[in-house]
PDB file of N, CA and C in Angstrom:
ATOM      1  N   MET A   1     105.513  97.556  94.805  1.00  0.00           N
ATOM      2  CA  MET A   1     106.976  97.884  94.799  1.00  0.00           C
ATOM      3  C   MET A   1     107.014  99.160  95.547  1.00  0.00           C
ATOM      4  N   LYS A   2     108.012  99.263  96.602  1.00  0.00           N
ATOM      5  CA  LYS A   2     108.197 100.630  97.255  1.00  0.00           C
ATOM      6  C   LYS A   2     108.797 101.523  96.763  1.00  0.00           C
ATOM      7  N   SER A   3     108.241 102.763  96.899  1.00  0.00           N
ATOM      8  CA  SER A   3     108.978 103.865  96.220  1.00  0.00           C
ATOM      9  C   SER A   3     109.075 105.033  97.409  1.00  0.00           C
ATOM     10  N   ALA A   4     110.375 105.533  97.289  1.00  0.00           N
ATOM     11  CA  ALA A   4     110.733 106.467  98.409  1.00  0.00           C
ATOM     12  C   ALA A   4     109.873 107.663  98.132  1.00  0.00           C
ATOM     13  N   LYS A   5     109.457 108.071  96.866  1.00  0.00           N
ATOM     14  CA  LYS A   5     108.615 109.092  96.710  1.00  0.00           C
ATOM     15  C   LYS A   5     107.388 109.110  97.323  1.00  0.00           C
ATOM     16  N   THR A   6     106.712 107.973  97.624  1.00  0.00           N
ATOM     17  CA  THR A   6     105.299 108.021  98.047  1.00  0.00           C
ATOM     18  C   THR A   6     105.334 108.627  99.630  1.00  0.00           C
ATOM     19  N   PHE A   7     106.344 107.966 100.412  1.00  0.00           N
ATOM     20  CA  PHE A   7     106.348 108.301 101.701  1.00  0.00           C
ATOM     21  C   PHE A   7     106.799 109.964 101.931  1.00  0.00           C
ATOM     22  N   LYS A   8     107.622 110.239 100.994  1.00  0.00           N
ATOM     23  CA  LYS A   8     108.136 111.634 101.012  1.00  0.00           C
ATOM     24  C   LYS A   8     107.107 112.431 100.784  1.00  0.00           C
ATOM     25  N   LEU A   9     106.269 111.965  99.745  1.00  0.00           N
ATOM     26  CA  LEU A   9     105.096 112.841  99.385  1.00  0.00           C
ATOM     27  C   LEU A   9     104.020 113.003 100.304  1.00  0.00           C
ATOM     28  N   PHE A  10     103.775 111.824 101.146  1.00  0.00           N
ATOM     29  CA  PHE A  10     102.851 111.598 102.030  1.00  0.00           C
ATOM     30  C   PHE A  10     103.214 112.578 103.301  1.00  0.00           C
ATOM     31  N   ARG A  11     104.357 112.663 103.672  1.00  0.00           N
ATOM     32  CA  ARG A  11     105.084 113.725 104.753  1.00  0.00           C
ATOM     33  C   ARG A  11     104.619 114.898 104.265  1.00  0.00           C
ATOM     34  N   ASN A  12     105.113 115.365 103.173  1.00  0.00           N
ATOM     35  CA  ASN A  12     105.038 116.755 102.774  1.00  0.00           C
ATOM     36  C   ASN A  12     103.656 117.108 102.776  1.00  0.00           C
ATOM     37  N   ILE A  13     102.621 116.325 102.052  1.00  0.00           N
ATOM     38  CA  ILE A  13     101.298 116.587 102.148  1.00  0.00           C
ATOM     39  C   ILE A  13     100.711 116.888 103.594  1.00  0.00           C
ATOM     40  N   ALA A  14     101.328 115.855 104.589  1.00  0.00           N
ATOM     41  CA  ALA A  14     100.710 115.872 105.973  1.00  0.00           C
ATOM     42  C   ALA A  14     101.180 117.153 106.506  1.00  0.00           C
ATOM     43  N   ASN A  15     102.268 117.499 106.376  1.00  0.00           N
ATOM     44  CA  ASN A  15     102.855 118.960 106.672  1.00  0.00           C
ATOM     45  C   ASN A  15     102.023 120.259 106.193  1.00  0.00           C
ATOM     46  N   ILE A  16     101.676 120.070 105.106  1.00  0.00           N
ATOM     47  CA  ILE A  16     100.996 121.195 104.428  1.00  0.00           C
ATOM     48  C   ILE A  16      99.564 121.333 104.861  1.00  0.00           C
ATOM     49  N   GLU A  17      99.129 120.066 104.808  1.00  0.00           N
ATOM     50  CA  GLU A  17      97.685 119.732 105.615  1.00  0.00           C
ATOM     51  C   GLU A  17      97.558 120.193 106.909  1.00  0.00           C
ATOM     52  N   GLY A  18      98.561 120.040 107.775  1.00  0.00           N
ATOM     53  CA  GLY A  18      98.697 120.708 109.005  1.00  0.00           C
ATOM     54  C   GLY A  18      98.702 122.141 109.127  1.00  0.00           C
ATOM     55  N   ILE A  19      99.480 122.697 108.294  1.00  0.00           N
ATOM     56  CA  ILE A  19      99.488 124.166 108.157  1.00  0.00           C
ATOM     57  C   ILE A  19      98.160 124.799 107.677  1.00  0.00           C
ATOM     58  N   SER A  20      97.773 124.024 106.700  1.00  0.00           N
ATOM     59  CA  SER A  20      96.449 124.713 106.226  1.00  0.00           C
ATOM     60  C   SER A  20      95.282 124.742 107.460  1.00  0.00           C
ATOM     61  N   TYR A  21      95.293 123.403 108.070  1.00  0.00           N
ATOM     62  CA  TYR A  21      94.400 123.293 109.308  1.00  0.00           C
ATOM     63  C   TYR A  21      94.488 124.625 110.350  1.00  0.00           C
ATOM     64  N   LEU A  22      95.784 124.788 110.844  1.00  0.00           N
ATOM     65  CA  LEU A  22      96.021 125.608 111.676  1.00  0.00           C
ATOM     66  C   LEU A  22      95.674 127.182 111.177  1.00  0.00           C
ATOM     67  N   VAL A  23      95.796 127.347 109.868  1.00  0.00           N
ATOM     68  CA  VAL A  23      95.402 128.599 109.195  1.00  0.00           C
ATOM     69  C   VAL A  23      93.885 128.742 109.330  1.00  0.00           C
ATOM     70  N   LEU A  24      93.226 127.787 109.136  1.00  0.00           N
ATOM     71  CA  LEU A  24      91.772 127.785 109.091  1.00  0.00           C
ATOM     72  C   LEU A  24      91.357 127.968 110.636  1.00  0.00           C
ATOM     73  N   LEU A  25      92.053 127.335 111.520  1.00  0.00           N
ATOM     74  CA  LEU A  25      91.387 127.463 112.960  1.00  0.00           C
ATOM     75  C   LEU A  25      91.954 128.777 113.242  1.00  0.00           C
ATOM     76  N   PHE A  26      93.183 129.261 113.235  1.00  0.00           N
ATOM     77  CA  PHE A  26      93.732 130.406 114.145  1.00  0.00           C
ATOM     78  C   PHE A  26      93.796 131.963 113.254  1.00  0.00           C
ATOM     79  N   ILE A  27      93.449 131.675 111.829  1.00  0.00           N
ATOM     80  CA  ILE A  27      93.505 132.870 111.072  1.00  0.00           C
ATOM     81  C   ILE A  27      91.911 132.989 110.362  1.00  0.00           C
ATOM     82  N   ALA A  28      91.704 132.120 109.557  1.00  0.00           N
ATOM     83  CA  ALA A  28      90.343 132.242 108.999  1.00  0.00           C
ATOM     84  C   ALA A  28      89.156 132.222 109.863  1.00  0.00           C
ATOM     85  N   MET A  29      89.063 131.282 111.006  1.00  0.00           N
ATOM     86  CA  MET A  29      88.111 131.464 111.650  1.00  0.00           C
ATOM     87  C   MET A  29      87.764 132.728 112.342  1.00  0.00           C
ATOM     88  N   PRO A  30      88.778 133.107 113.125  1.00  0.00           N
ATOM     89  CA  PRO A  30      88.667 134.544 113.751  1.00  0.00           C
ATOM     90  C   PRO A  30      88.332 135.590 112.786  1.00  0.00           C
ATOM     91  N   LEU A  31      88.799 135.499 111.614  1.00  0.00           N
ATOM     92  CA  LEU A  31      88.399 136.679 110.635  1.00  0.00           C
ATOM     93  C   LEU A  31      86.882 136.474 110.485  1.00  0.00           C
ATOM     94  N   LYS A  32      86.416 135.281 110.148  1.00  0.00           N
ATOM     95  CA  LYS A  32      85.061 135.172 109.881  1.00  0.00           C
ATOM     96  C   LYS A  32      84.093 135.829 111.116  1.00  0.00           C
ATOM     97  N   TYR A  33      84.498 135.377 112.310  1.00  0.00           N
ATOM     98  CA  TYR A  33      83.783 135.779 113.298  1.00  0.00           C
ATOM     99  C   TYR A  33      83.851 137.049 114.216  1.00  0.00           C
ATOM    100  N   PHE A  34      85.220 137.483 114.179  1.00  0.00           N
ATOM    101  CA  PHE A  34      85.569 138.861 114.676  1.00  0.00           C
ATOM    102  C   PHE A  34      85.672 139.966 113.906  1.00  0.00           C
ATOM    103  N   ALA A  35      86.044 139.626 112.448  1.00  0.00           N
ATOM    104  CA  ALA A  35      86.207 140.802 111.553  1.00  0.00           C
ATOM    105  C   ALA A  35      85.019 140.816 110.471  1.00  0.00           C
ATOM    106  N   ASN A  36      84.085 139.541 110.504  1.00  0.00           N
ATOM    107  CA  ASN A  36      82.856 139.628 109.636  1.00  0.00           C
ATOM    108  C   ASN A  36      83.430 139.409 108.071  1.00  0.00           C
ATOM    109  N   PHE A  37      84.394 138.716 108.062  1.00  0.00           N
ATOM    110  CA  PHE A  37      84.979 138.309 106.959  1.00  0.00           C
ATOM    111  C   PHE A  37      84.800 136.912 106.450  1.00  0.00           C
ATOM    112  N   PRO A  38      83.772 136.333 105.959  1.00  0.00           N
ATOM    113  CA  PRO A  38      83.545 134.926 105.916  1.00  0.00           C
ATOM    114  C   PRO A  38      84.347 134.257 104.504  1.00  0.00           C
ATOM    115  N   MET A  39      84.864 135.234 103.596  1.00  0.00           N
ATOM    116  CA  MET A  39      85.455 134.577 102.613  1.00  0.00           C
ATOM    117  C   MET A  39      86.695 133.925 103.044  1.00  0.00           C
ATOM    118  N   ALA A  40      87.459 134.323 104.105  1.00  0.00           N
ATOM    119  CA  ALA A  40      88.651 133.642 104.520  1.00  0.00           C
ATOM    120  C   ALA A  40      88.360 132.174 104.914  1.00  0.00           C
ATOM    121  N   VAL A  41      87.130 131.850 105.333  1.00  0.00           N
ATOM    122  CA  VAL A  41      86.887 130.517 105.518  1.00  0.00           C
ATOM    123  C   VAL A  41      86.460 129.892 104.461  1.00  0.00           C
ATOM    124  N   THR A  42      85.888 130.389 103.502  1.00  0.00           N
ATOM    125  CA  THR A  42      85.536 129.978 102.137  1.00  0.00           C
ATOM    126  C   THR A  42      86.942 129.559 101.394  1.00  0.00           C
ATOM    127  N   VAL A  43      87.789 130.331 101.193  1.00  0.00           N
ATOM    128  CA  VAL A  43      88.997 130.113 100.415  1.00  0.00           C
ATOM    129  C   VAL A  43      89.824 128.977 101.252  1.00  0.00           C
ATOM    130  N   VAL A  44      90.071 129.274 102.349  1.00  0.00           N
ATOM    131  CA  VAL A  44      91.258 128.445 103.407  1.00  0.00           C
ATOM    132  C   VAL A  44      90.431 127.045 103.455  1.00  0.00           C
ATOM    133  N   GLY A  45      89.190 127.052 103.881  1.00  0.00           N
ATOM    134  CA  GLY A  45      88.482 125.831 104.037  1.00  0.00           C
ATOM    135  C   GLY A  45      88.525 125.069 102.756  1.00  0.00           C
ATOM    136  N   GLY A  46      87.962 125.464 101.662  1.00  0.00           N
ATOM    137  CA  GLY A  46      88.383 124.727 100.450  1.00  0.00           C
ATOM    138  C   GLY A  46      89.608 124.071 100.136  1.00  0.00           C
ATOM    139  N   LEU A  47      90.684 125.036 100.271  1.00  0.00           N
ATOM    140  CA  LEU A  47      92.006 124.584 100.061  1.00  0.00           C
ATOM    141  C   LEU A  47      92.473 123.470 101.143  1.00  0.00           C
ATOM    142  N   HIS A  48      91.838 123.627 102.380  1.00  0.00           N
ATOM    143  CA  HIS A  48      92.105 122.545 103.321  1.00  0.00           C
ATOM    144  C   HIS A  48      91.460 121.234 102.782  1.00  0.00           C
ATOM    145  N   GLY A  49      90.419 121.564 102.495  1.00  0.00           N
ATOM    146  CA  GLY A  49      89.649 120.280 102.110  1.00  0.00           C
ATOM    147  C   GLY A  49      90.138 119.388 101.008  1.00  0.00           C
ATOM    148  N   VAL A  50      90.775 120.038 100.169  1.00  0.00           N
ATOM    149  CA  VAL A  50      91.491 119.563  99.067  1.00  0.00           C
ATOM    150  C   VAL A  50      92.726 118.559  99.656  1.00  0.00           C
ATOM    151  N   LEU A  51      93.367 119.356 100.433  1.00  0.00           N
ATOM    152  CA  LEU A  51      94.595 118.808 101.252  1.00  0.00           C
ATOM    153  C   LEU A  51      94.316 117.761 102.046  1.00  0.00           C
ATOM    154  N   PHE A  52      93.150 117.706 102.765  1.00  0.00           N
ATOM    155  CA  PHE A  52      92.804 116.703 103.644  1.00  0.00           C
ATOM    156  C   PHE A  52      92.315 115.488 102.888  1.00  0.00           C
ATOM    157  N   VAL A  53      91.665 115.350 101.747  1.00  0.00           N
ATOM    158  CA  VAL A  53      91.493 114.476 100.890  1.00  0.00           C
ATOM    159  C   VAL A  53      92.703 113.821 100.337  1.00  0.00           C
ATOM    160  N   ALA A  54      93.801 114.672  99.962  1.00  0.00           N
ATOM    161  CA  ALA A  54      95.032 114.332  99.486  1.00  0.00           C
ATOM    162  C   ALA A  54      95.699 113.534 100.595  1.00  0.00           C
ATOM    163  N   PHE A  55      95.687 114.035 101.710  1.00  0.00           N
ATOM    164  CA  PHE A  55      96.410 113.377 102.921  1.00  0.00           C
ATOM    165  C   PHE A  55      95.645 112.003 102.930  1.00  0.00           C
ATOM    166  N   VAL A  56      94.458 111.845 103.048  1.00  0.00           N
ATOM    167  CA  VAL A  56      93.866 110.474 103.334  1.00  0.00           C
ATOM    168  C   VAL A  56      94.356 109.477 102.386  1.00  0.00           C
ATOM    169  N   VAL A  57      94.101 110.016 100.929  1.00  0.00           N
ATOM    170  CA  VAL A  57      94.501 109.109  99.713  1.00  0.00           C
ATOM    171  C   VAL A  57      96.145 108.782 100.123  1.00  0.00           C
ATOM    172  N   LEU A  58      96.918 109.731 100.179  1.00  0.00           N
ATOM    173  CA  LEU A  58      98.418 109.222 100.370  1.00  0.00           C
ATOM    174  C   LEU A  58      98.721 108.503 101.573  1.00  0.00           C
ATOM    175  N   SER A  59      97.903 108.706 102.771  1.00  0.00           N
ATOM    176  CA  SER A  59      98.212 107.724 103.693  1.00  0.00           C
ATOM    177  C   SER A  59      97.786 106.351 103.585  1.00  0.00           C
ATOM    178  N   TRP A  60      96.545 106.197 102.753  1.00  0.00           N
ATOM    179  CA  TRP A  60      96.155 104.930 102.390  1.00  0.00           C
ATOM    180  C   TRP A  60      97.202 104.221 101.478  1.00  0.00           C
ATOM    181  N   GLU A  61      97.770 105.188 100.456  1.00  0.00           N
ATOM    182  CA  GLU A  61      98.725 104.489  99.494  1.00  0.00           C
ATOM    183  C   GLU A  61     100.098 104.180 100.187  1.00  0.00           C
ATOM    184  N   THR A  62     100.628 104.927 101.298  1.00  0.00           N
ATOM    185  CA  THR A  62     101.598 104.686 101.998  1.00  0.00           C
ATOM    186  C   THR A  62     101.334 103.430 102.945  1.00  0.00           C
ATOM    187  N   LYS A  63      99.986 103.176 103.529  1.00  0.00           N
ATOM    188  CA  LYS A  63      99.910 102.000 104.191  1.00  0.00           C
ATOM    189  C   LYS A  63      99.987 100.837 103.309  1.00  0.00           C
ATOM    190  N   ARG A  64      99.351 100.893 102.206  1.00  0.00           N
ATOM    191  CA  ARG A  64      99.151  99.660 101.226  1.00  0.00           C
ATOM    192  C   ARG A  64     100.886  99.317 100.717  1.00  0.00           C
ATOM    193  N   GLU A  65     101.573 100.377 100.304  1.00  0.00           N
ATOM    194  CA  GLU A  65     102.754 100.190 100.054  1.00  0.00           C
ATOM    195  C   GLU A  65     103.908  99.728 100.849  1.00  0.00           C
ATOM    196  N   TYR A  66     103.815 100.133 101.876  1.00  0.00           N
ATOM    197  CA  TYR A  66     104.804  99.795 102.983  1.00  0.00           C
ATOM    198  C   TYR A  66     104.303  98.824 104.064  1.00  0.00           C
ATOM    199  N   ASN A  67     103.207  98.274 103.669  1.00  0.00           N
ATOM    200  CA  ASN A  67     102.552  97.163 104.492  1.00  0.00           C
ATOM    201  C   ASN A  67     102.234  97.460 106.025  1.00  0.00           C
ATOM    202  N   LYS A  68     102.061  98.750 106.159  1.00  0.00           N
ATOM    203  CA  LYS A  68     101.446  99.187 107.537  1.00  0.00           C
ATOM    204  C   LYS A  68     100.129  98.661 107.635  1.00  0.00           C
ATOM    205  N   GLY A  69      99.813  98.466 108.920  1.00  0.00           N
ATOM    206  CA  GLY A  69      98.765  97.920 109.723  1.00  0.00           C
ATOM    207  C   GLY A  69      97.553  99.072 109.646  1.00  0.00           C
ATOM    208  N   TRP A  70      96.394  98.740 109.987  1.00  0.00           N
ATOM    209  CA  TRP A  70      95.120  99.459 110.226  1.00  0.00           C
ATOM    210  C   TRP A  70      95.517 100.296 111.352  1.00  0.00           C
ATOM    211  N   GLY A  71      96.022 100.072 112.127  1.00  0.00           N
ATOM    212  CA  GLY A  71      96.372 100.799 113.411  1.00  0.00           C
ATOM    213  C   GLY A  71      97.196 101.938 112.730  1.00  0.00           C
ATOM    214  N   TRP A  72      98.154 101.949 112.149  1.00  0.00           N
ATOM    215  CA  TRP A  72      98.949 103.001 111.369  1.00  0.00           C
ATOM    216  C   TRP A  72      98.107 103.963 110.611  1.00  0.00           C
ATOM    217  N   PHE A  73      97.173 103.290 109.888  1.00  0.00           N
ATOM    218  CA  PHE A  73      96.383 104.375 109.031  1.00  0.00           C
ATOM    219  C   PHE A  73      95.277 105.075 110.099  1.00  0.00           C
ATOM    220  N   ILE A  74      94.958 104.515 111.109  1.00  0.00           N
ATOM    221  CA  ILE A  74      93.880 105.121 112.004  1.00  0.00           C
ATOM    222  C   ILE A  74      94.688 106.251 112.814  1.00  0.00           C
ATOM    223  N   LYS A  75      95.965 105.983 113.195  1.00  0.00           N
ATOM    224  CA  LYS A  75      96.786 106.867 113.733  1.00  0.00           C
ATOM    225  C   LYS A  75      97.007 108.059 112.983  1.00  0.00           C
ATOM    226  N   ALA A  76      97.446 107.879 111.784  1.00  0.00           N
ATOM    227  CA  ALA A  76      97.768 108.926 110.718  1.00  0.00           C
ATOM    228  C   ALA A  76      96.320 109.892 110.459  1.00  0.00           C
ATOM    229  N   PHE A  77      95.035 109.030 110.380  1.00  0.00           N
ATOM    230  CA  PHE A  77      93.961 109.867 110.099  1.00  0.00           C
ATOM    231  C   PHE A  77      93.539 110.752 111.517  1.00  0.00           C
ATOM    232  N   ILE A  78      93.869 110.080 112.633  1.00  0.00           N
ATOM    233  CA  ILE A  78      93.450 110.927 113.768  1.00  0.00           C
ATOM    234  C   ILE A  78      94.511 112.034 114.100  1.00  0.00           C
ATOM    235  N   SER A  79      95.650 111.792 113.489  1.00  0.00           N
ATOM    236  CA  SER A  79      96.663 112.921 113.724  1.00  0.00           C
ATOM    237  C   SER A  79      96.174 114.205 112.948  1.00  0.00           C
ATOM    238  N   SER A  80      95.422 113.898 111.862  1.00  0.00           N
ATOM    239  CA  SER A  80      94.927 115.040 111.031  1.00  0.00           C
ATOM    240  C   SER A  80      93.830 115.783 111.434  1.00  0.00           C
ATOM    241  N   LEU A  81      93.198 115.204 112.399  1.00  0.00           N
ATOM    242  CA  LEU A  81      91.932 115.801 113.160  1.00  0.00           C
ATOM    243  C   LEU A  81      92.306 116.930 114.077  1.00  0.00           C
ATOM    244  N   LEU A  82      93.418 116.525 114.889  1.00  0.00           N
ATOM    245  CA  LEU A  82      93.929 117.152 115.882  1.00  0.00           C
ATOM    246  C   LEU A  82      95.076 118.438 115.408  1.00  0.00           C
ATOM    247  N   PRO A  83      94.733 119.508 116.070  1.00  0.00           N
ATOM    248  CA  PRO A  83      95.868 120.558 115.677  1.00  0.00           C
ATOM    249  C   PRO A  83      97.128 120.365 116.098  1.00  0.00           C
ATOM    250  N   PHE A  84      98.187 120.434 115.194  1.00  0.00           N
ATOM    251  CA  PHE A  84      99.519 119.991 115.530  1.00  0.00           C
ATOM    252  C   PHE A  84      99.725 118.641 115.472  1.00  0.00           C
ATOM    253  N   GLY A  85      98.684 117.829 115.171  1.00  0.00           N
ATOM    254  CA  GLY A  85      98.764 116.303 115.223  1.00  0.00           C
ATOM    255  C   GLY A  85      99.819 115.761 114.083  1.00  0.00           C
ATOM    256  N   THR A  86      99.621 116.247 112.971  1.00  0.00           N
ATOM    257  CA  THR A  86     100.671 115.863 111.826  1.00  0.00           C
ATOM    258  C   THR A  86     101.937 116.228 112.150  1.00  0.00           C
ATOM    259  N   PHE A  87     102.343 117.432 112.960  1.00  0.00           N
ATOM    260  CA  PHE A  87     103.568 117.639 113.125  1.00  0.00           C
ATOM    261  C   PHE A  87     104.277 116.837 114.268  1.00  0.00           C
ATOM    262  N   ILE A  88     103.488 116.507 115.074  1.00  0.00           N
ATOM    263  CA  ILE A  88     103.954 115.639 116.246  1.00  0.00           C
ATOM    264  C   ILE A  88     104.247 114.093 115.638  1.00  0.00           C
ATOM    265  N   MET A  89     103.253 113.679 114.692  1.00  0.00           N
ATOM    266  CA  MET A  89     103.584 112.377 114.142  1.00  0.00           C
ATOM    267  C   MET A  89     105.000 112.376 113.014  1.00  0.00           C
ATOM    268  N   ASP A  90     105.108 113.430 112.389  1.00  0.00           N
ATOM    269  CA  ASP A  90     106.166 113.652 111.426  1.00  0.00           C
ATOM    270  C   ASP A  90     107.559 113.142 112.147  1.00  0.00           C
ATOM    271  N   LYS A  91     107.763 113.127 113.288  1.00  0.00           N
ATOM    272  CA  LYS A  91     109.120 112.552 113.824  1.00  0.00           C
ATOM    273  C   LYS A  91     109.159 110.838 113.566  1.00  0.00           C
ATOM    274  N   GLN A  92     108.051 110.423 113.900  1.00  0.00           N
ATOM    275  CA  GLN A  92     107.723 108.866 113.743  1.00  0.00           C
ATOM    276  C   GLN A  92     107.809 108.672 112.292  1.00  0.00           C
ATOM    277  N   TRP A  93     107.158 109.290 111.398  1.00  0.00           N
ATOM    278  CA  TRP A  93     107.178 109.144 109.942  1.00  0.00           C
ATOM    279  C   TRP A  93     108.433 109.228 109.300  1.00  0.00           C
ATOM    280  N   LYS A  94     109.234 110.175 109.616  1.00  0.00           N
ATOM    281  CA  LYS A  94     110.340 110.393 109.132  1.00  0.00           C
ATOM    282  C   LYS A  94     111.230 109.338 109.600  1.00  0.00           C
ATOM    283  N   ARG A  95     111.477 108.546 110.776  1.00  0.00           N
ATOM    284  CA  ARG A  95     112.143 107.509 111.202  1.00  0.00           C
ATOM    285  C   ARG A  95     111.535 106.250 110.278  1.00  0.00           C
ATOM    286  N   GLU A  96     110.332 106.029 110.183  1.00  0.00           N
ATOM    287  CA  GLU A  96     109.908 104.920 109.322  1.00  0.00           C
ATOM    288  C   GLU A  96     110.302 105.256 107.990  1.00  0.00           C
ATOM    289  N   GLN A  97     110.259 106.392 107.346  1.00  0.00           N
ATOM    290  CA  GLN A  97     110.620 106.527 105.936  1.00  0.00           C
ATOM    291  C   GLN A  97     112.305 106.284 105.940  1.00  0.00           C
ATOM    292  N   ASP A  98     113.070 106.639 107.033  1.00  0.00           N
ATOM    293  CA  ASP A  98     114.415 106.417 106.792  1.00  0.00           C
ATOM    294  C   ASP A  98     114.548 104.887 106.680  1.00  0.00           C
ATOM    295  N   GLU A  99     113.934 104.108 107.786  1.00  0.00           N
ATOM    296  CA  GLU A  99     113.883 102.642 107.826  1.00  0.00           C
ATOM    297  C   GLU A  99     113.659 102.025 106.415  1.00  0.00           C
ATOM    298  N   ALA A 100     112.662 102.536 106.003  1.00  0.00           N
ATOM    299  CA  ALA A 100     112.190 101.859 104.622  1.00  0.00           C
ATOM    300  C   ALA A 100     113.214 102.014 103.689  1.00  0.00           C
ATOM    301  N   THR A 101     113.677 103.306 103.606  1.00  0.00           N
ATOM    302  CA  THR A 101     114.601 103.507 102.519  1.00  0.00           C
ATOM    303  C   THR A 101     115.866 102.583 102.781  1.00  0.00           C
ATOM    304  N   LYS A 102     116.370 102.569 104.029  1.00  0.00           N
ATOM    305  CA  LYS A 102     117.432 101.579 104.115  1.00  0.00           C
ATOM    306  C   LYS A 102     117.298 100.274 103.766  1.00  0.00           C
ATOM    307  N   ALA A 103     115.902  99.801 103.979  1.00  0.00           N
ATOM    308  CA  ALA A 103     115.620  98.521 103.592  1.00  0.00           C
ATOM    309  C   ALA A 103     115.625  98.270 102.150  1.00  0.00           C
ATOM    310  N   THR A 104     115.217  99.153 101.420  1.00  0.00           N
ATOM    311  CA  THR A 104     115.211  98.944  99.976  1.00  0.00           C
ATOM    312  C   THR A 104     116.610  99.387  99.258  1.00  0.00           C
ATOM    313  N   ALA A 105     117.592  99.954  99.900  1.00  0.00           N
ATOM    314  CA  ALA A 105     118.848 100.296  99.399  1.00  0.00           C
ATOM    315  C   ALA A 105     119.744  99.013  99.340  1.00  0.00           C
TER     316      ALA A 105
END
């Protein structure tokens, strides 16, 4: 059974995960290596790890619920590994969410 909440939650987590990845790369890592403040990576890295797992689980659920193919899932996974990847993909995901919402209405 399709739920509009699943796709919306997936997109929200994807964006939050993308932000946490950028914070980890561009704020926490420089703080660790240039300001000798490793706690930043510990905190942000842990938070990012939880968000990454949530992203993978929700992308799997979205794949299953909306009958997406393996290519869709792999593309979503790869987008989470690239800086700014989830933001680039969000336009496509928004379009897919709108189409799925129209189909169920």
